[in-house]
């Protein structure tokens, strides 16, 4: 849907298990930001106001020393 300024409305919504409805989680600035959110799920979690862990460092033996 287009806004009054003629640009589309970009938003990320999150499902609420209690109300069984989707609520707006984040209003995006542009289609580019939406593209980033779709490509990088960690970025989407970073935008979540509920404080969902994101970009968690993996300290397994396999990755240690491969910095």
C-alpha atoms as a PDB file:
ATOM      1  CA  UNK A   1       0.000   0.000   0.000  1.00  0.00           C
ATOM      2  CA  UNK A   2       1.247   3.487  -0.788  1.00  0.00           C
ATOM      3  CA  UNK A   3       1.569   6.189   1.830  1.00  0.00           C
ATOM      4  CA  UNK A   4       0.598   9.828   1.395  1.00  0.00           C
ATOM      5  CA  UNK A   5       4.122  10.553   0.123  1.00  0.00           C
ATOM      6  CA  UNK A   6       3.630   8.024  -2.687  1.00  0.00           C
ATOM      7  CA  UNK A   7       6.116   5.479  -1.316  1.00  0.00           C
ATOM      8  CA  UNK A   8       5.260   1.941  -0.205  1.00  0.00           C
ATOM      9  CA  UNK A   9       4.879   1.083   3.468  1.00  0.00           C
ATOM     10  CA  UNK A  10       7.606  -1.365   4.542  1.00  0.00           C
ATOM     11  CA  UNK A  11       7.244  -3.125   7.886  1.00  0.00           C
ATOM     12  CA  UNK A  12       8.302  -6.284   9.683  1.00  0.00           C
ATOM     13  CA  UNK A  13       5.577  -8.016  11.623  1.00  0.00           C
ATOM     14  CA  UNK A  14       5.855 -10.615  14.364  1.00  0.00           C
ATOM     15  CA  UNK A  15       3.277 -13.230  15.313  1.00  0.00           C
ATOM     16  CA  UNK A  16       1.922 -12.985  18.865  1.00  0.00           C
ATOM     17  CA  UNK A  17       1.054 -16.457  20.190  1.00  0.00           C
ATOM     18  CA  UNK A  18      -1.226 -15.040  22.893  1.00  0.00           C
ATOM     19  CA  UNK A  19      -3.414 -12.847  20.649  1.00  0.00           C
ATOM     20  CA  UNK A  20      -2.947 -15.098  17.581  1.00  0.00           C
ATOM     21  CA  UNK A  21      -2.340 -11.972  15.481  1.00  0.00           C
ATOM     22  CA  UNK A  22       0.563 -10.291  13.721  1.00  0.00           C
ATOM     23  CA  UNK A  23       1.807  -7.021  15.217  1.00  0.00           C
ATOM     24  CA  UNK A  24       4.203  -4.476  13.765  1.00  0.00           C
ATOM     25  CA  UNK A  25       7.684  -5.157  15.047  1.00  0.00           C
ATOM     26  CA  UNK A  26       9.598  -2.563  13.041  1.00  0.00           C
ATOM     27  CA  UNK A  27       8.744   0.079  10.458  1.00  0.00           C
ATOM     28  CA  UNK A  28      11.412   0.101   7.772  1.00  0.00           C
ATOM     29  CA  UNK A  29      12.789   3.177   6.037  1.00  0.00           C
ATOM     30  CA  UNK A  30      13.141   1.736   2.546  1.00  0.00           C
ATOM     31  CA  UNK A  31      12.997  -1.275   0.278  1.00  0.00           C
ATOM     32  CA  UNK A  32      16.774  -1.587   0.667  1.00  0.00           C
ATOM     33  CA  UNK A  33      16.417  -2.083   4.412  1.00  0.00           C
ATOM     34  CA  UNK A  34      13.743  -4.719   3.743  1.00  0.00           C
ATOM     35  CA  UNK A  35      16.128  -6.492   1.349  1.00  0.00           C
ATOM     36  CA  UNK A  36      18.819  -6.596   4.065  1.00  0.00           C
ATOM     37  CA  UNK A  37      16.327  -7.951   6.588  1.00  0.00           C
ATOM     38  CA  UNK A  38      15.294 -10.717   4.198  1.00  0.00           C
ATOM     39  CA  UNK A  39      18.890 -11.641   3.304  1.00  0.00           C
ATOM     40  CA  UNK A  40      20.273 -11.522   6.857  1.00  0.00           C
ATOM     41  CA  UNK A  41      17.921 -13.061   9.421  1.00  0.00           C
ATOM     42  CA  UNK A  42      20.302 -12.013  12.216  1.00  0.00           C
ATOM     43  CA  UNK A  43      19.646  -8.376  11.216  1.00  0.00           C
ATOM     44  CA  UNK A  44      15.913  -8.991  11.560  1.00  0.00           C
ATOM     45  CA  UNK A  45      16.481 -10.378  15.066  1.00  0.00           C
ATOM     46  CA  UNK A  46      18.651  -7.327  15.865  1.00  0.00           C
ATOM     47  CA  UNK A  47      15.671  -5.073  15.010  1.00  0.00           C
ATOM     48  CA  UNK A  48      13.353  -7.023  17.347  1.00  0.00           C
ATOM     49  CA  UNK A  49      12.447  -4.893  20.404  1.00  0.00           C
ATOM     50  CA  UNK A  50      12.055  -8.075  22.505  1.00  0.00           C
ATOM     51  CA  UNK A  51      15.836  -8.418  22.720  1.00  0.00           C
ATOM     52  CA  UNK A  52      16.155 -11.644  20.740  1.00  0.00           C
ATOM     53  CA  UNK A  53      19.812 -12.810  20.728  1.00  0.00           C
ATOM     54  CA  UNK A  54      21.484 -12.065  17.409  1.00  0.00           C
ATOM     55  CA  UNK A  55      24.933 -12.207  15.848  1.00  0.00           C
ATOM     56  CA  UNK A  56      25.945 -14.685  18.546  1.00  0.00           C
ATOM     57  CA  UNK A  57      29.625 -15.566  18.340  1.00  0.00           C
ATOM     58  CA  UNK A  58      30.359 -19.262  17.873  1.00  0.00           C
ATOM     59  CA  UNK A  59      33.327 -20.224  20.078  1.00  0.00           C
ATOM     60  CA  UNK A  60      33.460 -23.844  18.994  1.00  0.00           C
ATOM     61  CA  UNK A  61      36.861 -25.436  18.363  1.00  0.00           C
ATOM     62  CA  UNK A  62      36.127 -25.422  14.667  1.00  0.00           C
ATOM     63  CA  UNK A  63      36.022 -21.613  14.454  1.00  0.00           C
ATOM     64  CA  UNK A  64      38.583 -20.651  17.123  1.00  0.00           C
ATOM     65  CA  UNK A  65      41.714 -19.328  15.452  1.00  0.00           C
ATOM     66  CA  UNK A  66      39.985 -18.776  12.113  1.00  0.00           C
ATOM     67  CA  UNK A  67      39.474 -15.071  12.714  1.00  0.00           C
END
